[in-house]
Amino acid sequence: MDPETALELVKQGATLLLLDVPQYTLVGIDTQMFTVGPAFKGIKMIPPGPHFVYYSSSSKDGKQFSPIVGFFVDAAPSEVIVRKWNQQEERLVKVPEDEVSWDMKTLDKTRQVILEAGPRKSEERFCQAVKSLEFDRYLGPYNLSQYGEWKRLSSYLTKTIIKRIEPIGGEITVACESEMDKNSPKTSIERALDAQLGTGKFSASTSVDRSKKRGCYYTTIPRVIKRRGMEGKELTSLNLDKTELLESVLIKDYGGSEDLLLGELQFAYIAFLMGQSLEAFFQWKSLVSLLLSCIEAFIKVIFYQLKYGLQKDRKESNGAGIAVSSLLDESWFSADSFLHRLCKDFFLLVQDATVVDGDLLTWTRKLKELLENILGWEFQQNSAVDGIYFEEDDEFAPVVEMLDESSFNGVPAA
């Protein structure tokens, strides 16, 4: 890249200024993740739009890491987003208005002019310094070669969706979710994932005040349709093809906007894969289960999510050589996962449909080939039921018999 082009990207792109982040801390933005060096002060040349920033504090030797903490930002052109490391809490916080704490040993003395420029807020001073290229040598460039992949993963994500779903304070972390999801039904694979995300990969050094934390404001998705007086065969059919439920959820919770639903699907996927949020995984699972239980589903978004997430051996071009999906266990790719069963049903629904949209058929074929080629899954079943086995505790198993009177306490479909 020639100097003129690079300078233009620096000026037009957003900057994420991360002050006082300890060495060896893992820091990521979107699909990029790396280890912090001694001179690191942030990331420059960030394309405008939504992004996900996440990090994990490290022990002094760089061998143990605390649970990942992440937050979404919606960057405007040339915007400077400032965060400062709080050593006591081991997390990034906004800079107090009356605080300026540059390390003058690493900056030229001429920069002290910025500190003496008057009673402006600290963040404004930092922003001016960034735009004057005072921090430029300490900022790592956003890897634009990976931006196309991020755009496909976040194509429906907007500032409105982020504000609607993000928790109070904006921070998303699995460290605050164990109690929240304690009573959620899980398969054996999901229980293993819960244990892995909660303890297996992290140090126990970070304490969390759960009383001050809040979960994301995800939309509640009914897992089954319950209707009083409906015969077993009709109820089973209604739960196998949940198009009617999807239409009801779209109208009630998303104002009829498919884009809002897709945005929440992408929010949950990103918070799960990059932010390692178990709460986000269950929301993504609920939405995927609903969409893959409908004849008219949103295959294109799911295809790009799986294409990225199933690249088990990918290594990003960063100093740490860390893959975003490397924190996931092999059980995620198991053939007895909920995704395998749902895809098997969905492919049969598309195959048996009287009329199928051309784009839907094309993306369905792409998804089927992706799962067969990467995971070796087989979908050669002549029946939507034959050959499919469900665990007793899988809440997404088909409804096959009438519910008794005492069972009608769920959320009915409209």
Protein backbone atom coordinates (compact mmCIF):
# COMPACT_ATOMS: atom_id res chain seq x y z
CA MET A 1 0.00 0.00 0.00
CA ASP A 2 1.46 3.36 -1.01
CA PRO A 3 1.92 6.08 1.67
CA GLU A 4 -0.80 8.35 0.25
CA THR A 5 -3.44 5.61 0.33
CA ALA A 6 -2.41 4.56 3.84
CA LEU A 7 -2.63 8.15 5.10
CA GLU A 8 -6.10 8.56 3.60
CA LEU A 9 -7.29 5.35 5.27
CA VAL A 10 -5.88 6.54 8.58
CA LYS A 11 -7.77 9.84 8.31
CA GLN A 12 -11.07 8.38 7.06
CA GLY A 13 -11.10 5.26 9.21
CA ALA A 14 -12.04 5.13 12.88
CA THR A 15 -9.46 4.64 15.63
CA LEU A 16 -9.77 2.52 18.76
CA LEU A 17 -7.42 4.00 21.35
CA LEU A 18 -6.71 1.46 24.12
CA LEU A 19 -4.52 2.97 26.82
CA ASP A 20 -2.35 1.15 29.39
CA VAL A 21 -3.32 -2.37 28.22
CA PRO A 22 -0.82 -4.81 29.83
CA GLN A 23 1.54 -6.81 27.66
CA TYR A 24 0.36 -10.33 26.68
CA THR A 25 -3.31 -9.33 26.92
CA LEU A 26 -5.35 -10.90 24.11
CA VAL A 27 -7.20 -8.24 22.12
CA GLY A 28 -9.53 -8.80 19.19
CA ILE A 29 -11.66 -6.81 16.82
CA ASP A 30 -14.13 -8.60 14.54
CA THR A 31 -12.38 -11.69 13.10
CA GLN A 32 -8.90 -10.51 14.12
CA MET A 33 -7.19 -11.44 17.38
CA PHE A 34 -3.65 -10.79 18.60
CA THR A 35 -1.38 -10.50 21.64
CA VAL A 36 -0.56 -7.02 22.97
CA GLY A 37 3.06 -5.88 22.82
CA PRO A 38 4.83 -3.32 25.03
CA ALA A 39 4.16 -0.31 22.74
CA PHE A 40 0.54 -1.11 21.83
CA LYS A 41 -1.98 1.73 22.17
CA GLY A 42 -4.81 0.70 19.89
CA ILE A 43 -6.02 0.02 16.35
CA LYS A 44 -6.31 2.43 13.41
CA MET A 45 -7.86 2.36 9.91
CA ILE A 46 -11.08 0.76 11.18
CA PRO A 47 -13.84 0.88 8.52
CA PRO A 48 -16.97 2.78 9.60
CA GLY A 49 -19.86 0.66 10.87
CA PRO A 50 -20.51 -1.92 13.60
CA HIS A 51 -17.61 -3.81 15.14
CA PHE A 52 -17.06 -6.19 18.05
CA VAL A 53 -14.12 -5.53 20.37
CA TYR A 54 -13.05 -8.23 22.83
CA TYR A 55 -10.14 -8.95 25.13
CA SER A 56 -8.81 -11.34 27.76
CA SER A 57 -6.39 -10.29 30.48
CA SER A 58 -3.31 -12.45 30.96
CA SER A 59 -1.12 -13.62 33.79
CA LYS A 60 2.37 -12.08 33.90
CA ASP A 61 3.87 -15.01 31.99
CA GLY A 62 1.15 -14.92 29.32
CA LYS A 63 0.07 -18.52 29.95
CA GLN A 64 -3.27 -18.06 31.73
CA PHE A 65 -6.19 -15.92 30.64
CA SER A 66 -9.35 -14.61 32.24
CA PRO A 67 -12.77 -14.98 30.56
CA ILE A 68 -13.19 -12.91 27.42
CA VAL A 69 -15.00 -9.58 27.76
CA GLY A 70 -16.47 -8.01 24.63
CA PHE A 71 -18.54 -5.04 23.54
CA PHE A 72 -20.03 -3.73 20.31
CA VAL A 73 -19.24 -0.30 18.87
CA ASP A 74 -20.70 1.53 15.89
CA ALA A 75 -17.82 3.55 14.49
CA ALA A 76 -18.38 6.73 12.50
CA PRO A 77 -15.86 7.92 9.87
CA SER A 78 -12.75 9.40 11.53
CA GLU A 79 -14.20 8.72 15.00
CA VAL A 80 -11.84 8.09 17.90
CA ILE A 81 -13.11 5.63 20.51
CA VAL A 82 -11.11 5.80 23.75
CA ARG A 83 -10.83 3.15 26.45
CA LYS A 84 -8.37 2.89 29.35
CA TRP A 85 -7.25 -0.21 31.22
CA ASN A 86 -8.42 -0.40 34.83
CA GLN A 87 -5.69 -2.40 36.56
CA GLN A 88 -7.78 -3.25 39.64
CA GLU A 89 -10.79 -4.55 37.70
CA GLU A 90 -8.72 -5.92 34.77
CA ARG A 91 -11.02 -4.44 32.16
CA LEU A 92 -11.30 -1.55 29.72
CA VAL A 93 -13.28 1.48 30.89
CA LYS A 94 -14.16 4.89 29.49
CA VAL A 95 -11.71 7.67 30.33
CA PRO A 96 -12.90 9.96 33.17
CA GLU A 97 -13.49 13.53 32.02
CA ASP A 98 -10.85 15.02 34.33
CA GLU A 99 -8.09 12.46 33.72
CA VAL A 100 -5.18 12.51 31.29
CA SER A 101 -2.54 9.84 31.89
CA TRP A 102 -0.21 9.62 28.93
CA ASP A 103 3.12 7.94 29.48
CA MET A 104 5.39 10.86 28.58
CA LYS A 105 8.39 8.50 28.41
CA THR A 106 7.00 7.00 25.22
CA LEU A 107 5.77 10.27 23.66
CA ASP A 108 7.81 13.27 22.54
CA LYS A 109 7.82 16.26 24.88
CA THR A 110 6.17 18.37 22.18
CA ARG A 111 3.00 16.43 22.82
CA GLN A 112 2.67 18.06 26.21
CA VAL A 113 1.15 21.00 24.36
CA ILE A 114 -1.97 18.86 24.04
CA LEU A 115 -2.12 18.50 27.81
CA GLU A 116 -1.93 22.24 28.33
CA ALA A 117 -4.47 23.20 25.68
CA GLY A 118 -7.17 24.23 28.14
CA PRO A 119 -10.09 22.77 30.09
CA ARG A 120 -11.30 20.41 27.36
CA LYS A 121 -12.42 16.95 28.31
CA SER A 122 -9.78 14.24 28.43
CA GLU A 123 -11.40 12.23 25.64
CA GLU A 124 -11.42 15.28 23.36
CA ARG A 125 -7.70 15.75 23.98
CA PHE A 126 -6.99 12.17 23.07
CA CYS A 127 -9.11 12.46 19.93
CA GLN A 128 -7.21 15.54 18.81
CA ALA A 129 -3.89 13.82 19.44
CA VAL A 130 -4.96 10.84 17.34
CA LYS A 131 -6.13 13.04 14.46
CA SER A 132 -2.79 14.87 14.62
CA LEU A 133 -1.09 11.46 14.21
CA GLU A 134 0.52 11.77 17.65
CA PHE A 135 -0.31 8.14 18.45
CA ASP A 136 0.15 6.78 14.93
CA ARG A 137 3.35 4.80 15.56
CA TYR A 138 1.70 3.00 18.50
CA LEU A 139 -1.44 1.93 16.62
CA GLY A 140 -1.77 -1.36 14.78
CA PRO A 141 -3.65 -1.25 11.45
CA TYR A 142 -6.99 -2.98 10.98
CA ASN A 143 -6.41 -5.90 8.59
CA LEU A 144 -8.56 -4.80 5.66
CA SER A 145 -8.08 -8.14 3.87
CA GLN A 146 -10.39 -9.67 6.49
CA TYR A 147 -13.00 -6.93 6.36
CA GLY A 148 -15.05 -8.64 3.64
CA GLU A 149 -15.49 -11.67 5.87
CA TRP A 150 -16.60 -9.48 8.77
CA LYS A 151 -19.10 -7.65 6.56
CA ARG A 152 -20.75 -10.95 5.63
CA LEU A 153 -21.03 -11.86 9.32
CA SER A 154 -22.47 -8.47 10.31
CA SER A 155 -24.40 -7.39 7.20
CA TYR A 156 -27.67 -6.86 9.15
CA LEU A 157 -26.12 -5.51 12.35
CA THR A 158 -26.96 -1.85 13.03
CA LYS A 159 -26.57 0.67 15.83
CA THR A 160 -30.28 0.30 16.61
CA ILE A 161 -29.98 -3.47 17.01
CA ILE A 162 -26.89 -3.13 19.21
CA LYS A 163 -28.62 -0.63 21.51
CA ARG A 164 -31.71 -2.83 21.67
CA ILE A 165 -29.89 -6.02 22.71
CA GLU A 166 -26.65 -5.11 24.49
CA PRO A 167 -26.60 -5.42 28.32
CA ILE A 168 -26.44 -2.48 30.70
CA GLY A 169 -22.88 -1.19 30.50
CA GLY A 170 -22.37 -2.93 27.15
CA GLU A 171 -20.02 -5.67 28.40
CA ILE A 172 -20.66 -9.27 27.34
CA THR A 173 -18.81 -12.05 29.17
CA VAL A 174 -19.44 -15.68 30.05
CA ALA A 175 -18.12 -14.99 33.56
CA CYS A 176 -21.48 -13.42 34.42
CA GLU A 177 -23.71 -16.04 32.82
CA SER A 178 -23.32 -19.31 34.73
CA GLU A 179 -26.12 -18.54 37.17
CA MET A 180 -28.24 -17.05 34.41
CA ASP A 181 -28.26 -20.24 32.33
CA LYS A 182 -28.09 -22.74 35.18
CA ASN A 183 -31.65 -23.95 34.67
CA SER A 184 -31.64 -23.90 30.86
CA PRO A 185 -32.12 -27.35 29.29
CA LYS A 186 -28.93 -28.58 27.65
CA THR A 187 -27.76 -31.61 25.70
CA SER A 188 -24.63 -33.47 26.82
CA ILE A 189 -22.56 -31.61 24.22
CA GLU A 190 -23.85 -28.25 25.45
CA ARG A 191 -23.08 -29.15 29.05
CA ALA A 192 -19.51 -29.87 27.95
CA LEU A 193 -19.40 -26.53 26.14
CA ASP A 194 -20.71 -24.82 29.28
CA ALA A 195 -17.93 -26.36 31.35
CA GLN A 196 -15.31 -25.50 28.73
CA LEU A 197 -16.28 -21.84 28.41
CA GLY A 198 -16.79 -21.43 32.14
CA THR A 199 -13.62 -23.01 33.48
CA GLY A 200 -11.62 -25.09 31.06
CA LYS A 201 -9.70 -22.38 29.23
CA PHE A 202 -9.49 -19.62 31.82
CA SER A 203 -7.69 -18.77 35.00
CA ALA A 204 -9.69 -18.34 38.19
CA SER A 205 -7.97 -15.09 39.13
CA THR A 206 -10.71 -12.76 37.97
CA SER A 207 -13.54 -12.18 40.41
CA VAL A 208 -16.91 -10.95 39.19
CA ASP A 209 -19.52 -8.96 41.07
CA ARG A 210 -22.63 -10.61 39.61
CA SER A 211 -24.98 -8.21 41.38
CA LYS A 212 -23.83 -5.40 39.06
CA LYS A 213 -24.02 -7.41 35.84
CA ARG A 214 -26.89 -7.84 33.40
CA GLY A 215 -27.48 -10.15 30.48
CA CYS A 216 -28.34 -9.17 26.93
CA TYR A 217 -31.92 -8.27 26.06
CA TYR A 218 -32.55 -11.06 23.58
CA THR A 219 -35.99 -11.79 22.15
CA THR A 220 -37.73 -14.76 23.79
CA ILE A 221 -38.28 -17.49 21.19
CA PRO A 222 -40.96 -20.11 22.07
CA ARG A 223 -39.41 -23.54 21.55
CA VAL A 224 -42.71 -25.35 20.88
CA ILE A 225 -46.17 -24.38 19.68
CA LYS A 226 -48.92 -25.41 22.10
CA ARG A 227 -52.61 -25.25 21.21
CA ARG A 228 -55.43 -26.56 23.31
CA GLY A 229 -57.59 -29.17 21.60
CA MET A 230 -55.30 -29.81 18.63
CA GLU A 231 -54.80 -33.45 17.63
CA GLY A 232 -51.36 -35.03 17.92
CA LYS A 233 -50.73 -35.30 14.18
CA GLU A 234 -51.61 -31.64 13.58
CA LEU A 235 -49.51 -30.51 16.54
CA THR A 236 -46.53 -32.51 15.30
CA SER A 237 -46.86 -31.03 11.81
CA LEU A 238 -47.13 -27.51 13.23
CA ASN A 239 -43.93 -27.96 15.25
CA LEU A 240 -41.97 -29.58 12.42
CA ASP A 241 -42.69 -26.67 10.07
CA LYS A 242 -42.65 -23.53 12.24
CA THR A 243 -43.34 -21.04 9.48
CA GLU A 244 -46.47 -19.87 11.32
CA LEU A 245 -44.51 -19.39 14.55
CA LEU A 246 -41.83 -17.44 12.69
CA GLU A 247 -44.44 -15.12 11.19
CA SER A 248 -45.95 -14.58 14.64
CA VAL A 249 -42.56 -13.75 16.22
CA LEU A 250 -41.70 -11.41 13.34
CA ILE A 251 -44.87 -9.39 13.82
CA LYS A 252 -44.95 -9.41 17.63
CA ASP A 253 -41.27 -8.88 18.48
CA TYR A 254 -39.70 -7.38 15.35
CA GLY A 255 -42.53 -5.25 13.97
CA GLY A 256 -42.60 -7.37 10.84
CA SER A 257 -38.96 -6.55 10.02
CA GLU A 258 -36.95 -9.55 8.86
CA ASP A 259 -33.80 -7.41 9.00
CA LEU A 260 -34.18 -6.95 12.78
CA LEU A 261 -34.44 -10.69 13.29
CA LEU A 262 -31.39 -11.32 11.10
CA GLY A 263 -29.53 -8.60 12.98
CA GLU A 264 -30.23 -10.34 16.30
CA LEU A 265 -29.12 -13.64 14.77
CA GLN A 266 -25.81 -12.04 13.79
CA PHE A 267 -25.45 -10.27 17.15
CA ALA A 268 -25.86 -13.57 19.02
CA TYR A 269 -23.49 -15.46 16.72
CA ILE A 270 -20.74 -12.84 17.05
CA ALA A 271 -21.17 -12.59 20.84
CA PHE A 272 -20.91 -16.38 21.05
CA LEU A 273 -18.02 -17.07 18.67
CA MET A 274 -15.85 -14.02 19.36
CA GLY A 275 -17.08 -13.15 22.86
CA GLN A 276 -17.43 -16.77 24.05
CA SER A 277 -20.86 -15.97 25.54
CA LEU A 278 -22.89 -19.03 26.48
CA GLU A 279 -26.05 -16.94 26.72
CA ALA A 280 -25.46 -15.84 23.13
CA PHE A 281 -25.01 -19.46 22.02
CA PHE A 282 -28.43 -20.44 23.37
CA GLN A 283 -30.06 -17.45 21.67
CA TRP A 284 -28.32 -18.29 18.38
CA LYS A 285 -29.44 -21.89 18.77
CA SER A 286 -33.04 -20.82 19.38
CA LEU A 287 -33.09 -18.59 16.30
CA VAL A 288 -31.36 -21.13 14.06
CA SER A 289 -33.72 -23.84 15.30
CA LEU A 290 -36.69 -21.64 14.42
CA LEU A 291 -35.35 -20.65 11.00
CA LEU A 292 -34.30 -24.18 10.04
CA SER A 293 -37.75 -25.42 11.04
CA CYS A 294 -39.34 -23.24 8.36
CA ILE A 295 -39.67 -23.89 4.65
CA GLU A 296 -38.93 -20.23 3.87
CA ALA A 297 -35.75 -19.77 5.94
CA PHE A 298 -32.85 -17.31 5.89
CA ILE A 299 -30.15 -19.63 4.56
CA LYS A 300 -27.68 -17.07 3.25
CA VAL A 301 -26.92 -15.58 6.69
CA ILE A 302 -26.57 -18.99 8.32
CA PHE A 303 -24.36 -20.23 5.46
CA TYR A 304 -21.79 -17.48 6.01
CA GLN A 305 -21.85 -17.99 9.78
CA LEU A 306 -21.16 -21.70 9.46
CA LYS A 307 -18.61 -21.22 6.70
CA TYR A 308 -16.60 -19.01 9.03
CA GLY A 309 -17.24 -20.89 12.27
CA LEU A 310 -16.43 -24.35 10.92
CA GLN A 311 -12.93 -23.47 9.78
CA LYS A 312 -11.33 -25.38 12.64
CA ASP A 313 -7.71 -25.05 11.52
CA ARG A 314 -7.67 -21.41 10.39
CA LYS A 315 -4.83 -19.26 11.67
CA GLU A 316 -5.21 -15.53 11.37
CA SER A 317 -2.29 -13.48 10.12
CA ASN A 318 -1.40 -11.96 13.49
CA GLY A 319 1.50 -12.13 15.88
CA ALA A 320 -0.25 -14.56 18.21
CA GLY A 321 -1.33 -16.96 15.46
CA ILE A 322 -4.60 -17.43 17.32
CA ALA A 323 -7.77 -18.58 15.61
CA VAL A 324 -10.99 -17.01 16.85
CA SER A 325 -12.67 -20.41 16.88
CA SER A 326 -9.74 -22.12 18.64
CA LEU A 327 -11.48 -21.80 22.01
CA LEU A 328 -14.23 -24.14 20.83
CA ASP A 329 -14.10 -27.83 21.62
CA GLU A 330 -14.26 -30.67 19.07
CA SER A 331 -17.77 -31.48 20.34
CA TRP A 332 -19.01 -28.44 18.40
CA PHE A 333 -18.37 -30.40 15.19
CA SER A 334 -20.00 -33.64 16.35
CA ALA A 335 -22.56 -35.36 14.11
CA ASP A 336 -25.02 -35.66 17.00
CA SER A 337 -25.29 -31.90 17.51
CA PHE A 338 -28.64 -30.14 17.32
CA LEU A 339 -27.52 -28.50 14.06
CA HIS A 340 -27.08 -31.83 12.27
CA ARG A 341 -30.61 -32.94 13.14
CA LEU A 342 -32.17 -29.60 12.20
CA CYS A 343 -30.35 -29.42 8.87
CA LYS A 344 -31.45 -32.95 8.01
CA ASP A 345 -35.09 -31.96 8.57
CA PHE A 346 -34.68 -28.67 6.74
CA PHE A 347 -33.14 -30.17 3.61
CA LEU A 348 -36.06 -32.58 3.39
CA LEU A 349 -38.57 -29.73 3.77
CA VAL A 350 -36.97 -27.91 0.84
CA GLN A 351 -36.81 -31.11 -1.18
CA ASP A 352 -40.49 -31.91 -0.61
CA ALA A 353 -41.81 -28.36 -1.08
CA THR A 354 -44.15 -27.94 -4.06
CA VAL A 355 -42.72 -24.52 -4.95
CA VAL A 356 -39.22 -23.41 -3.91
CA ASP A 357 -37.65 -20.00 -4.47
CA GLY A 358 -34.59 -20.23 -6.73
CA ASP A 359 -32.29 -18.36 -4.34
CA LEU A 360 -33.44 -20.50 -1.41
CA LEU A 361 -32.67 -23.67 -3.36
CA THR A 362 -29.23 -22.38 -4.39
CA TRP A 363 -28.20 -21.45 -0.85
CA THR A 364 -29.65 -24.66 0.56
CA ARG A 365 -27.43 -26.64 -1.80
CA LYS A 366 -24.43 -24.55 -0.79
CA LEU A 367 -25.12 -25.13 2.90
CA LYS A 368 -25.56 -28.88 2.37
CA GLU A 369 -22.29 -29.12 0.43
CA LEU A 370 -20.47 -27.07 3.08
CA LEU A 371 -21.53 -29.39 5.90
CA GLU A 372 -20.85 -32.53 3.87
CA ASN A 373 -17.41 -31.41 2.68
CA ILE A 374 -16.08 -29.89 5.91
CA LEU A 375 -17.71 -32.12 8.53
CA GLY A 376 -18.43 -35.25 6.51
CA TRP A 377 -22.09 -35.18 7.50
CA GLU A 378 -24.55 -37.23 5.45
CA PHE A 379 -28.12 -36.18 4.76
CA GLN A 380 -29.39 -39.11 2.69
CA GLN A 381 -32.61 -39.80 4.58
CA ASN A 382 -35.94 -40.66 2.98
CA SER A 383 -37.96 -39.49 5.94
CA ALA A 384 -37.86 -36.48 8.21
CA VAL A 385 -38.07 -38.84 11.18
CA ASP A 386 -36.38 -42.12 10.20
CA GLY A 387 -32.78 -42.35 11.35
CA ILE A 388 -32.91 -39.28 13.60
CA TYR A 389 -32.38 -39.80 17.30
CA PHE A 390 -32.98 -37.22 19.97
CA GLU A 391 -31.57 -37.01 23.46
CA GLU A 392 -34.20 -37.05 26.19
CA ASP A 393 -33.13 -33.61 27.38
CA ASP A 394 -33.06 -31.96 23.94
CA GLU A 395 -35.72 -29.26 24.01
CA PHE A 396 -35.67 -29.00 20.22
CA ALA A 397 -36.89 -32.56 19.59
CA PRO A 398 -40.15 -32.71 17.56
CA VAL A 399 -43.48 -32.76 19.40
CA VAL A 400 -45.09 -36.10 18.55
CA GLU A 401 -48.07 -36.44 20.86
CA MET A 402 -50.91 -34.43 22.41
CA LEU A 403 -50.11 -32.31 25.43
CA ASP A 404 -52.32 -32.80 28.46
CA GLU A 405 -54.24 -29.97 30.09
CA SER A 406 -51.49 -29.25 32.64
CA SER A 407 -48.94 -28.63 29.88
CA PHE A 408 -50.59 -25.55 28.41
CA ASN A 409 -48.45 -23.04 30.24
CA GLY A 410 -46.08 -22.17 27.40
CA VAL A 411 -46.23 -19.35 24.91
CA PRO A 412 -48.93 -20.03 22.30
CA ALA A 413 -48.47 -19.13 18.69
CA ALA A 414 -50.58 -16.31 17.34
